[in-house]
C-alpha atoms as a PDB file:
ATOM      1  CA  MET A   1       0.374  30.641 -18.939  1.00  0.00           C
ATOM      2  CA  ASN A   2       3.612  32.701 -19.076  1.00  0.00           C
ATOM      3  CA  VAL A   3       4.778  33.966 -15.676  1.00  0.00           C
ATOM      4  CA  TYR A   4       7.577  36.323 -14.657  1.00  0.00           C
ATOM      5  CA  ALA A   5       8.443  35.738 -10.983  1.00  0.00           C
ATOM      6  CA  LEU A   6      10.576  37.884  -8.710  1.00  0.00           C
ATOM      7  CA  GLY A   7      11.271  36.804  -5.141  1.00  0.00           C
ATOM      8  CA  ALA A   8      10.152  33.266  -5.848  1.00  0.00           C
ATOM      9  CA  SER A   9      13.103  31.256  -4.687  1.00  0.00           C
ATOM     10  CA  ARG A  10      11.302  30.626  -1.439  1.00  0.00           C
ATOM     11  CA  ASN A  11       8.160  31.135   0.726  1.00  0.00           C
ATOM     12  CA  ILE A  12       4.897  32.350  -0.892  1.00  0.00           C
ATOM     13  CA  GLY A  13       6.510  33.038  -4.336  1.00  0.00           C
ATOM     14  CA  TYR A  14       8.033  29.596  -4.414  1.00  0.00           C
ATOM     15  CA  TYR A  15       4.900  27.821  -3.470  1.00  0.00           C
ATOM     16  CA  ALA A  16       2.741  29.782  -5.969  1.00  0.00           C
ATOM     17  CA  ALA A  17       5.104  29.393  -8.794  1.00  0.00           C
ATOM     18  CA  LEU A  18       5.420  25.717  -8.165  1.00  0.00           C
ATOM     19  CA  ARG A  19       1.635  25.345  -8.309  1.00  0.00           C
ATOM     20  CA  LEU A  20       1.617  27.186 -11.616  1.00  0.00           C
ATOM     21  CA  LEU A  21       4.284  24.882 -13.013  1.00  0.00           C
ATOM     22  CA  LYS A  22       2.249  21.856 -12.050  1.00  0.00           C
ATOM     23  CA  LYS A  23      -0.659  23.342 -14.072  1.00  0.00           C
ATOM     24  CA  GLY A  24       1.537  23.643 -17.200  1.00  0.00           C
ATOM     25  CA  ALA A  25       2.699  27.253 -16.896  1.00  0.00           C
ATOM     26  CA  THR A  26       6.196  28.411 -17.891  1.00  0.00           C
ATOM     27  CA  VAL A  27       7.853  30.420 -15.168  1.00  0.00           C
ATOM     28  CA  THR A  28      10.845  32.745 -15.661  1.00  0.00           C
ATOM     29  CA  TYR A  29      12.556  33.350 -12.334  1.00  0.00           C
ATOM     30  CA  LEU A  30      14.847  36.288 -11.559  1.00  0.00           C
ATOM     31  CA  LEU A  31      17.297  34.898  -9.056  1.00  0.00           C
ATOM     32  CA  ARG A  32      20.425  36.316  -7.377  1.00  0.00           C
ATOM     33  CA  SER A  33      21.676  32.674  -7.336  1.00  0.00           C
ATOM     34  CA  THR A  34      20.606  30.308 -10.102  1.00  0.00           C
ATOM     35  CA  SER A  35      21.857  27.412  -8.097  1.00  0.00           C
ATOM     36  CA  VAL A  36      19.074  27.893  -5.476  1.00  0.00           C
ATOM     37  CA  PHE A  37      17.110  24.943  -6.778  1.00  0.00           C
ATOM     38  CA  ASP A  38      19.978  22.548  -7.356  1.00  0.00           C
ATOM     39  CA  GLN A  39      18.986  20.451  -4.343  1.00  0.00           C
ATOM     40  CA  ASP A  40      15.219  20.659  -5.113  1.00  0.00           C
ATOM     41  CA  PRO A  41      14.374  17.453  -7.133  1.00  0.00           C
ATOM     42  CA  GLU A  42      10.728  18.578  -7.752  1.00  0.00           C
ATOM     43  CA  MET A  43      11.934  21.958  -9.214  1.00  0.00           C
ATOM     44  CA  GLN A  44      14.710  20.287 -11.082  1.00  0.00           C
ATOM     45  CA  ARG A  45      12.175  18.345 -13.174  1.00  0.00           C
ATOM     46  CA  TYR A  46      10.800  21.688 -14.501  1.00  0.00           C
ATOM     47  CA  VAL A  47      14.219  23.157 -15.002  1.00  0.00           C
ATOM     48  CA  ALA A  48      15.200  20.212 -17.141  1.00  0.00           C
ATOM     49  CA  SER A  49      12.066  20.480 -19.182  1.00  0.00           C
ATOM     50  CA  GLY A  50      12.506  24.188 -19.748  1.00  0.00           C
ATOM     51  CA  LYS A  51       9.305  25.173 -18.089  1.00  0.00           C
ATOM     52  CA  ALA A  52      11.215  26.768 -15.137  1.00  0.00           C
ATOM     53  CA  ARG A  53      13.614  29.242 -16.768  1.00  0.00           C
ATOM     54  CA  LEU A  54      16.267  30.606 -14.350  1.00  0.00           C
ATOM     55  CA  VAL A  55      17.703  34.045 -14.966  1.00  0.00           C
ATOM     56  CA  LYS A  56      20.608  35.371 -12.844  1.00  0.00           C
ATOM     57  CA  GLY A  57      19.844  38.916 -11.523  1.00  0.00           C
ATOM     58  CA  ASP A  58      18.890  41.132  -8.697  1.00  0.00           C
ATOM     59  CA  ALA A  59      15.499  42.879  -8.482  1.00  0.00           C
ATOM     60  CA  LEU A  60      17.468  45.933  -7.094  1.00  0.00           C
ATOM     61  CA  SER A  61      19.142  46.335 -10.521  1.00  0.00           C
ATOM     62  CA  ALA A  62      16.971  47.766 -13.185  1.00  0.00           C
ATOM     63  CA  PRO A  63      19.058  46.235 -16.063  1.00  0.00           C
ATOM     64  CA  ASP A  64      18.695  42.784 -14.441  1.00  0.00           C
ATOM     65  CA  VAL A  65      14.912  43.201 -14.178  1.00  0.00           C
ATOM     66  CA  GLU A  66      14.728  44.417 -17.719  1.00  0.00           C
ATOM     67  CA  ARG A  67      16.650  41.274 -18.828  1.00  0.00           C
ATOM     68  CA  GLY A  68      14.175  39.116 -17.030  1.00  0.00           C
ATOM     69  CA  TRP A  69      11.323  40.792 -18.863  1.00  0.00           C
ATOM     70  CA  LYS A  70      13.066  39.989 -22.074  1.00  0.00           C
ATOM     71  CA  GLU A  71      13.670  36.274 -21.144  1.00  0.00           C
ATOM     72  CA  ALA A  72       9.945  35.975 -20.167  1.00  0.00           C
ATOM     73  CA  GLN A  73       9.055  37.419 -23.535  1.00  0.00           C
ATOM     74  CA  ALA A  74      11.327  34.926 -25.244  1.00  0.00           C
ATOM     75  CA  VAL A  75       8.813  32.267 -24.339  1.00  0.00           C
ATOM     76  CA  LYS A  76       6.042  34.106 -26.045  1.00  0.00           C
ATOM     77  CA  GLU A  77       5.497  37.807 -26.673  1.00  0.00           C
ATOM     78  CA  SER A  78       2.803  38.194 -24.046  1.00  0.00           C
ATOM     79  CA  VAL A  79       3.492  37.788 -20.314  1.00  0.00           C
ATOM     80  CA  ASP A  80       0.303  36.741 -18.457  1.00  0.00           C
ATOM     81  CA  VAL A  81       1.370  37.180 -14.865  1.00  0.00           C
ATOM     82  CA  VAL A  82       3.978  39.065 -12.868  1.00  0.00           C
ATOM     83  CA  LEU A  83       4.341  37.402  -9.489  1.00  0.00           C
ATOM     84  CA  PHE A  84       6.146  39.859  -7.191  1.00  0.00           C
ATOM     85  CA  SER A  85       6.945  38.468  -3.733  1.00  0.00           C
ATOM     86  CA  VAL A  86      10.390  40.072  -3.060  1.00  0.00           C
ATOM     87  CA  GLY A  87      11.354  40.169   0.573  1.00  0.00           C
ATOM     88  CA  GLY A  88      14.580  40.397   2.530  1.00  0.00           C
ATOM     89  CA  THR A  89      16.015  38.147   5.237  1.00  0.00           C
ATOM     90  CA  PRO A  90      15.549  40.200   8.402  1.00  0.00           C
ATOM     91  CA  ARG A  91      17.994  40.601  11.263  1.00  0.00           C
ATOM     92  CA  LEU A  92      17.186  41.629  14.752  1.00  0.00           C
ATOM     93  CA  SER A  93      18.137  45.109  16.083  1.00  0.00           C
ATOM     94  CA  LEU A  94      17.531  45.778  19.724  1.00  0.00           C
ATOM     95  CA  THR A  95      16.423  49.328  18.926  1.00  0.00           C
ATOM     96  CA  LYS A  96      14.634  48.920  15.660  1.00  0.00           C
ATOM     97  CA  GLY A  97      13.238  45.355  15.769  1.00  0.00           C
ATOM     98  CA  PHE A  98      13.699  43.360  12.600  1.00  0.00           C
ATOM     99  CA  VAL A  99      15.442  45.142   9.799  1.00  0.00           C
ATOM    100  CA  ILE A 100      16.243  44.435   6.212  1.00  0.00           C
ATOM    101  CA  ASP A 101      19.056  45.699   4.016  1.00  0.00           C
ATOM    102  CA  PRO A 102      18.411  47.875   2.121  1.00  0.00           C
ATOM    103  CA  ALA A 103      15.457  49.234   4.041  1.00  0.00           C
ATOM    104  CA  ASN A 104      13.564  49.964   0.844  1.00  0.00           C
ATOM    105  CA  LEU A 105      14.155  46.629  -0.795  1.00  0.00           C
ATOM    106  CA  CYS A 106      10.558  45.902  -1.921  1.00  0.00           C
ATOM    107  CA  THR A 107       9.872  49.481  -2.857  1.00  0.00           C
ATOM    108  CA  GLN A 108      12.883  49.958  -5.075  1.00  0.00           C
ATOM    109  CA  SER A 109      12.399  46.446  -6.601  1.00  0.00           C
ATOM    110  CA  ILE A 110       8.835  47.076  -7.540  1.00  0.00           C
ATOM    111  CA  LEU A 111       9.830  50.381  -9.121  1.00  0.00           C
ATOM    112  CA  ASN A 112      12.446  48.642 -11.210  1.00  0.00           C
ATOM    113  CA  VAL A 113       9.835  46.053 -12.321  1.00  0.00           C
ATOM    114  CA  LEU A 114       7.322  48.723 -13.338  1.00  0.00           C
ATOM    115  CA  CYS A 115       9.782  51.136 -14.865  1.00  0.00           C
ATOM    116  CA  THR A 116      11.312  48.439 -17.185  1.00  0.00           C
ATOM    117  CA  MET A 117       8.034  46.967 -18.258  1.00  0.00           C
ATOM    118  CA  PRO A 118       8.160  46.620 -22.069  1.00  0.00           C
ATOM    119  CA  THR A 119       6.381  49.039 -24.158  1.00  0.00           C
ATOM    120  CA  ASP A 120       4.427  46.421 -26.035  1.00  0.00           C
ATOM    121  CA  LEU A 121       3.040  45.143 -22.817  1.00  0.00           C
ATOM    122  CA  ARG A 122       1.592  48.507 -21.664  1.00  0.00           C
ATOM    123  CA  LEU A 123      -1.436  48.332 -24.048  1.00  0.00           C
ATOM    124  CA  PRO A 124      -4.480  47.608 -21.814  1.00  0.00           C
ATOM    125  CA  GLU A 125      -5.417  44.401 -23.721  1.00  0.00           C
ATOM    126  CA  LEU A 126      -1.888  43.024 -23.391  1.00  0.00           C
ATOM    127  CA  GLN A 127      -1.000  43.905 -19.837  1.00  0.00           C
ATOM    128  CA  PRO A 128      -0.022  41.145 -17.444  1.00  0.00           C
ATOM    129  CA  ARG A 129      -1.795  40.565 -14.188  1.00  0.00           C
ATOM    130  CA  PHE A 130       0.401  42.008 -11.395  1.00  0.00           C
ATOM    131  CA  ILE A 131       0.295  40.100  -8.173  1.00  0.00           C
ATOM    132  CA  THR A 132       2.200  41.621  -5.302  1.00  0.00           C
ATOM    133  CA  VAL A 133       2.562  40.244  -1.855  1.00  0.00           C
ATOM    134  CA  SER A 134       2.395  42.729   1.027  1.00  0.00           C
ATOM    135  CA  SER A 135       1.172  42.356   4.671  1.00  0.00           C
ATOM    136  CA  LEU A 136      -1.805  42.779   6.887  1.00  0.00           C
ATOM    137  CA  GLY A 137      -1.550  45.596   9.461  1.00  0.00           C
ATOM    138  CA  LEU A 138       0.394  48.117   7.232  1.00  0.00           C
ATOM    139  CA  THR A 139      -2.171  50.914   7.149  1.00  0.00           C
ATOM    140  CA  GLU A 140      -3.680  52.716  10.093  1.00  0.00           C
ATOM    141  CA  ALA A 141      -7.189  51.033   9.435  1.00  0.00           C
ATOM    142  CA  SER A 142      -5.625  47.602   9.220  1.00  0.00           C
ATOM    143  CA  HIS A 143      -3.406  47.988  12.171  1.00  0.00           C
ATOM    144  CA  ALA A 144      -6.421  49.147  14.398  1.00  0.00           C
ATOM    145  CA  LYS A 145      -8.134  45.801  13.486  1.00  0.00           C
ATOM    146  CA  LEU A 146      -5.221  43.659  14.709  1.00  0.00           C
ATOM    147  CA  PRO A 147      -5.561  41.520  17.894  1.00  0.00           C
ATOM    148  CA  LEU A 148      -4.218  43.346  20.727  1.00  0.00           C
ATOM    149  CA  ALA A 149      -1.542  40.633  21.365  1.00  0.00           C
ATOM    150  CA  LEU A 150      -0.086  41.314  17.873  1.00  0.00           C
ATOM    151  CA  ARG A 151      -0.042  45.054  17.889  1.00  0.00           C
ATOM    152  CA  PRO A 152       3.440  45.320  19.686  1.00  0.00           C
ATOM    153  CA  LEU A 153       4.866  42.943  17.130  1.00  0.00           C
ATOM    154  CA  TYR A 154       3.551  44.941  14.154  1.00  0.00           C
ATOM    155  CA  GLY A 155       4.167  48.276  15.810  1.00  0.00           C
ATOM    156  CA  HIS A 156       7.827  47.722  16.719  1.00  0.00           C
ATOM    157  CA  PHE A 157       9.455  44.437  15.775  1.00  0.00           C
ATOM    158  CA  ILE A 158       8.452  44.469  12.025  1.00  0.00           C
ATOM    159  CA  ARG A 159       7.938  48.137  11.773  1.00  0.00           C
ATOM    160  CA  VAL A 160      10.955  48.568   9.397  1.00  0.00           C
ATOM    161  CA  PRO A 161       9.930  45.831   6.918  1.00  0.00           C
ATOM    162  CA  HIS A 162       6.327  47.125   6.971  1.00  0.00           C
ATOM    163  CA  ALA A 163       7.493  50.594   6.079  1.00  0.00           C
ATOM    164  CA  ASP A 164       9.055  49.075   2.979  1.00  0.00           C
ATOM    165  CA  LYS A 165       5.886  47.104   2.152  1.00  0.00           C
ATOM    166  CA  LEU A 166       3.836  50.373   2.597  1.00  0.00           C
ATOM    167  CA  GLY A 167       6.188  52.031   0.037  1.00  0.00           C
ATOM    168  CA  SER A 168       5.765  49.400  -2.465  1.00  0.00           C
ATOM    169  CA  GLU A 169       1.965  49.575  -2.005  1.00  0.00           C
ATOM    170  CA  ARG A 170       2.100  53.214  -2.607  1.00  0.00           C
ATOM    171  CA  ILE A 171       3.784  52.824  -5.965  1.00  0.00           C
ATOM    172  CA  VAL A 172       1.363  50.151  -7.031  1.00  0.00           C
ATOM    173  CA  ALA A 173      -1.609  52.186  -5.968  1.00  0.00           C
ATOM    174  CA  HIS A 174      -0.453  55.178  -7.996  1.00  0.00           C
ATOM    175  CA  CYS A 175       0.118  53.000 -11.189  1.00  0.00           C
ATOM    176  CA  ALA A 176      -3.328  51.268 -10.750  1.00  0.00           C
ATOM    177  CA  GLY A 177      -5.163  54.596 -10.185  1.00  0.00           C
ATOM    178  CA  ARG A 178      -6.316  53.509  -6.669  1.00  0.00           C
ATOM    179  CA  ALA A 179      -7.032  56.299  -4.241  1.00  0.00           C
ATOM    180  CA  TRP A 180      -4.379  56.458  -1.438  1.00  0.00           C
ATOM    181  CA  THR A 181      -6.034  57.289   1.862  1.00  0.00           C
ATOM    182  CA  ASP A 182      -3.269  56.327   4.273  1.00  0.00           C
ATOM    183  CA  LYS A 183      -0.182  58.330   5.251  1.00  0.00           C
ATOM    184  CA  GLU A 184       2.517  58.786   2.701  1.00  0.00           C
ATOM    185  CA  PRO A 185       5.557  56.573   3.111  1.00  0.00           C
ATOM    186  CA  SER A 186       8.804  58.088   4.134  1.00  0.00           C
ATOM    187  CA  PRO A 187      10.821  59.609   1.306  1.00  0.00           C
ATOM    188  CA  GLU A 188      13.700  57.607   2.436  1.00  0.00           C
ATOM    189  CA  ILE A 189      11.754  54.521   1.303  1.00  0.00           C
ATOM    190  CA  THR A 190      10.193  55.849  -1.980  1.00  0.00           C
ATOM    191  CA  THR A 191      12.654  58.643  -2.708  1.00  0.00           C
ATOM    192  CA  ALA A 192      11.080  62.155  -3.067  1.00  0.00           C
ATOM    193  CA  ASP A 193      10.855  62.039  -6.815  1.00  0.00           C
ATOM    194  CA  TRP A 194       9.564  58.548  -7.505  1.00  0.00           C
ATOM    195  CA  ARG A 195       6.685  59.856  -9.583  1.00  0.00           C
ATOM    196  CA  SER A 196       9.076  61.220 -12.072  1.00  0.00           C
ATOM    197  CA  ARG A 197      11.114  58.037 -12.456  1.00  0.00           C
ATOM    198  CA  GLU A 198      11.670  57.305 -16.084  1.00  0.00           C
ATOM    199  CA  GLY A 199       9.443  54.516 -17.412  1.00  0.00           C
ATOM    200  CA  LEU A 200       7.053  54.498 -14.471  1.00  0.00           C
ATOM    201  CA  PRO A 201       3.432  53.848 -15.652  1.00  0.00           C
ATOM    202  CA  GLN A 202       1.088  56.827 -15.456  1.00  0.00           C
ATOM    203  CA  ALA A 203      -1.564  57.048 -12.740  1.00  0.00           C
ATOM    204  CA  GLY A 204      -4.197  54.585 -13.537  1.00  0.00           C
ATOM    205  CA  GLU A 205      -2.298  53.025 -16.372  1.00  0.00           C
ATOM    206  CA  LEU A 206      -2.243  49.508 -14.895  1.00  0.00           C
ATOM    207  CA  LYS A 207      -5.510  47.623 -15.118  1.00  0.00           C
ATOM    208  CA  HIS A 208      -4.908  44.236 -13.565  1.00  0.00           C
ATOM    209  CA  VAL A 209      -3.127  44.754 -10.243  1.00  0.00           C
ATOM    210  CA  VAL A 210      -3.855  42.749  -7.121  1.00  0.00           C
ATOM    211  CA  VAL A 211      -2.166  43.329  -3.682  1.00  0.00           C
ATOM    212  CA  ILE A 212      -2.356  40.462  -1.254  1.00  0.00           C
ATOM    213  CA  ARG A 213      -2.114  41.333   2.468  1.00  0.00           C
ATOM    214  CA  PRO A 214      -1.570  38.112   4.467  1.00  0.00           C
ATOM    215  CA  ALA A 215      -1.849  37.905   8.257  1.00  0.00           C
ATOM    216  CA  LEU A 216       1.044  36.730  10.266  1.00  0.00           C
ATOM    217  CA  LEU A 217       2.771  34.022   8.112  1.00  0.00           C
ATOM    218  CA  THR A 218       3.431  30.493   9.181  1.00  0.00           C
ATOM    219  CA  ASP A 219       5.123  27.425   7.580  1.00  0.00           C
ATOM    220  CA  GLY A 220       1.906  25.388   8.066  1.00  0.00           C
ATOM    221  CA  ALA A 221       0.391  22.910   5.590  1.00  0.00           C
ATOM    222  CA  CYS A 222      -1.843  23.964   2.742  1.00  0.00           C
ATOM    223  CA  LYS A 223      -5.331  23.464   4.108  1.00  0.00           C
ATOM    224  CA  GLY A 224      -6.864  24.665   0.825  1.00  0.00           C
ATOM    225  CA  ASP A 225      -5.931  21.448  -0.972  1.00  0.00           C
ATOM    226  CA  THR A 226      -7.970  19.350   1.397  1.00  0.00           C
ATOM    227  CA  ALA A 227     -10.920  21.668   2.280  1.00  0.00           C
ATOM    228  CA  GLY A 228     -13.001  20.991  -0.749  1.00  0.00           C
ATOM    229  CA  LYS A 229     -15.194  23.835  -1.842  1.00  0.00           C
ATOM    230  CA  ASN A 230     -15.066  25.614   1.529  1.00  0.00           C
ATOM    231  CA  LYS A 231     -11.906  27.606   1.692  1.00  0.00           C
ATOM    232  CA  PRO A 232     -10.183  27.346   5.051  1.00  0.00           C
ATOM    233  CA  TYR A 233      -9.068  30.897   4.946  1.00  0.00           C
ATOM    234  CA  ARG A 234     -10.921  34.246   4.545  1.00  0.00           C
ATOM    235  CA  ALA A 235      -9.952  36.425   1.567  1.00  0.00           C
ATOM    236  CA  THR A 236     -11.769  39.831   1.420  1.00  0.00           C
ATOM    237  CA  ALA A 237     -11.135  43.344   0.315  1.00  0.00           C
ATOM    238  CA  ASP A 238     -12.757  44.407   3.670  1.00  0.00           C
ATOM    239  CA  GLU A 239     -10.710  44.807   6.783  1.00  0.00           C
ATOM    240  CA  LEU A 240     -10.371  41.642   8.792  1.00  0.00           C
ATOM    241  CA  THR A 241     -10.823  41.662  12.610  1.00  0.00           C
ATOM    242  CA  GLY A 242      -9.259  39.298  15.127  1.00  0.00           C
ATOM    243  CA  CYS A 243      -7.006  37.525  12.610  1.00  0.00           C
ATOM    244  CA  TYR A 244      -3.742  36.032  13.647  1.00  0.00           C
ATOM    245  CA  SER A 245      -2.200  33.934  10.973  1.00  0.00           C
ATOM    246  CA  VAL A 246      -2.299  32.181   7.717  1.00  0.00           C
ATOM    247  CA  SER A 247       0.269  29.679   6.088  1.00  0.00           C
ATOM    248  CA  ARG A 248       2.471  30.727   3.250  1.00  0.00           C
ATOM    249  CA  ARG A 249       1.219  27.628   1.291  1.00  0.00           C
ATOM    250  CA  ASP A 250      -2.408  28.812   1.650  1.00  0.00           C
ATOM    251  CA  VAL A 251      -1.653  32.315   0.407  1.00  0.00           C
ATOM    252  CA  ALA A 252      -0.006  30.579  -2.624  1.00  0.00           C
ATOM    253  CA  HIS A 253      -3.195  28.408  -2.917  1.00  0.00           C
ATOM    254  CA  PHE A 254      -5.276  31.666  -3.044  1.00  0.00           C
ATOM    255  CA  ILE A 255      -3.008  33.237  -5.689  1.00  0.00           C
ATOM    256  CA  VAL A 256      -3.356  30.309  -8.048  1.00  0.00           C
ATOM    257  CA  GLU A 257      -6.764  28.805  -7.172  1.00  0.00           C
ATOM    258  CA  GLY A 258      -8.424  32.152  -6.218  1.00  0.00           C
ATOM    259  CA  ILE A 259      -6.983  35.295  -8.072  1.00  0.00           C
ATOM    260  CA  LEU A 260      -5.782  33.583 -11.223  1.00  0.00           C
ATOM    261  CA  ALA A 261      -8.607  31.124 -11.408  1.00  0.00           C
ATOM    262  CA  GLU A 262     -11.302  33.711 -10.984  1.00  0.00           C
ATOM    263  CA  GLY A 263     -10.137  35.983 -13.885  1.00  0.00           C
ATOM    264  CA  GLY A 264     -10.394  39.744 -13.088  1.00  0.00           C
ATOM    265  CA  ARG A 265     -12.645  39.478  -9.967  1.00  0.00           C
ATOM    266  CA  TRP A 266      -9.858  40.923  -7.677  1.00  0.00           C
ATOM    267  CA  ASP A 267      -8.322  43.376 -10.062  1.00  0.00           C
ATOM    268  CA  GLY A 268      -7.503  46.702  -8.550  1.00  0.00           C
ATOM    269  CA  GLN A 269      -8.082  45.521  -5.043  1.00  0.00           C
ATOM    270  CA  CYS A 270      -6.088  44.976  -1.810  1.00  0.00           C
ATOM    271  CA  VAL A 271      -7.077  41.556  -0.567  1.00  0.00           C
ATOM    272  CA  ASN A 272      -6.635  40.596   3.026  1.00  0.00           C
ATOM    273  CA  ILE A 273      -6.206  36.899   3.856  1.00  0.00           C
ATOM    274  CA  ALA A 274      -6.224  34.985   7.098  1.00  0.00           C
ATOM    275  CA  TYR A 275      -7.699  31.984   8.881  1.00  0.00           C
END
């Protein structure tokens, strides 16, 4: 399996990419700092073998993202999976809650990924599977299902990062041809002319897109590795009620052992995941 990973230096993307490496995949990482794995003995083994390929670049730079595509295609012409888990390091603002810089980091990064997608990979039979990590509670319907104790957190403290996640979901929905029933993101997030961005796939052009919406993320252990056939988490395209959390490692488990292992079952869907 040939994988192009953006935002995989830590958290969900890191755990998912590492699982894929252990299964024999080759992963091309786009990294702002290629030294990020220098003190990671487990990752260094894959770097030394050439299975983990580190490309210096920023997802906010379209030329960097395009170079990452080319490096991934240098492994083999087809790219099987694009793993998009870009996310900023938030800082706390007393008036806005947690904020990221820039405020549209995820939205502009996913635009760069989609707009620089190589022409030869746009044919339906050659398209990669796009897996993008979002969040539970973004949409009005999802927010209404949150436990009451979490609504202030989602409604104020992580409102700014969630506006960005909503923007990235809007872009993906357009390219996948999925009907958008929620409010439109702020033009400050998507920019008013995003649909006319050069290179953006046409509505419905992407055939293998999965959006993952995890509940509140924790650094807990991966329960999926010890649970046997009975998954310890719920993963469904339906809205989840009364869900509090899920570990980053279990989201990564679902990406690899669920979405990718089950072929096209989840294509075109937004999947909610929580304990």
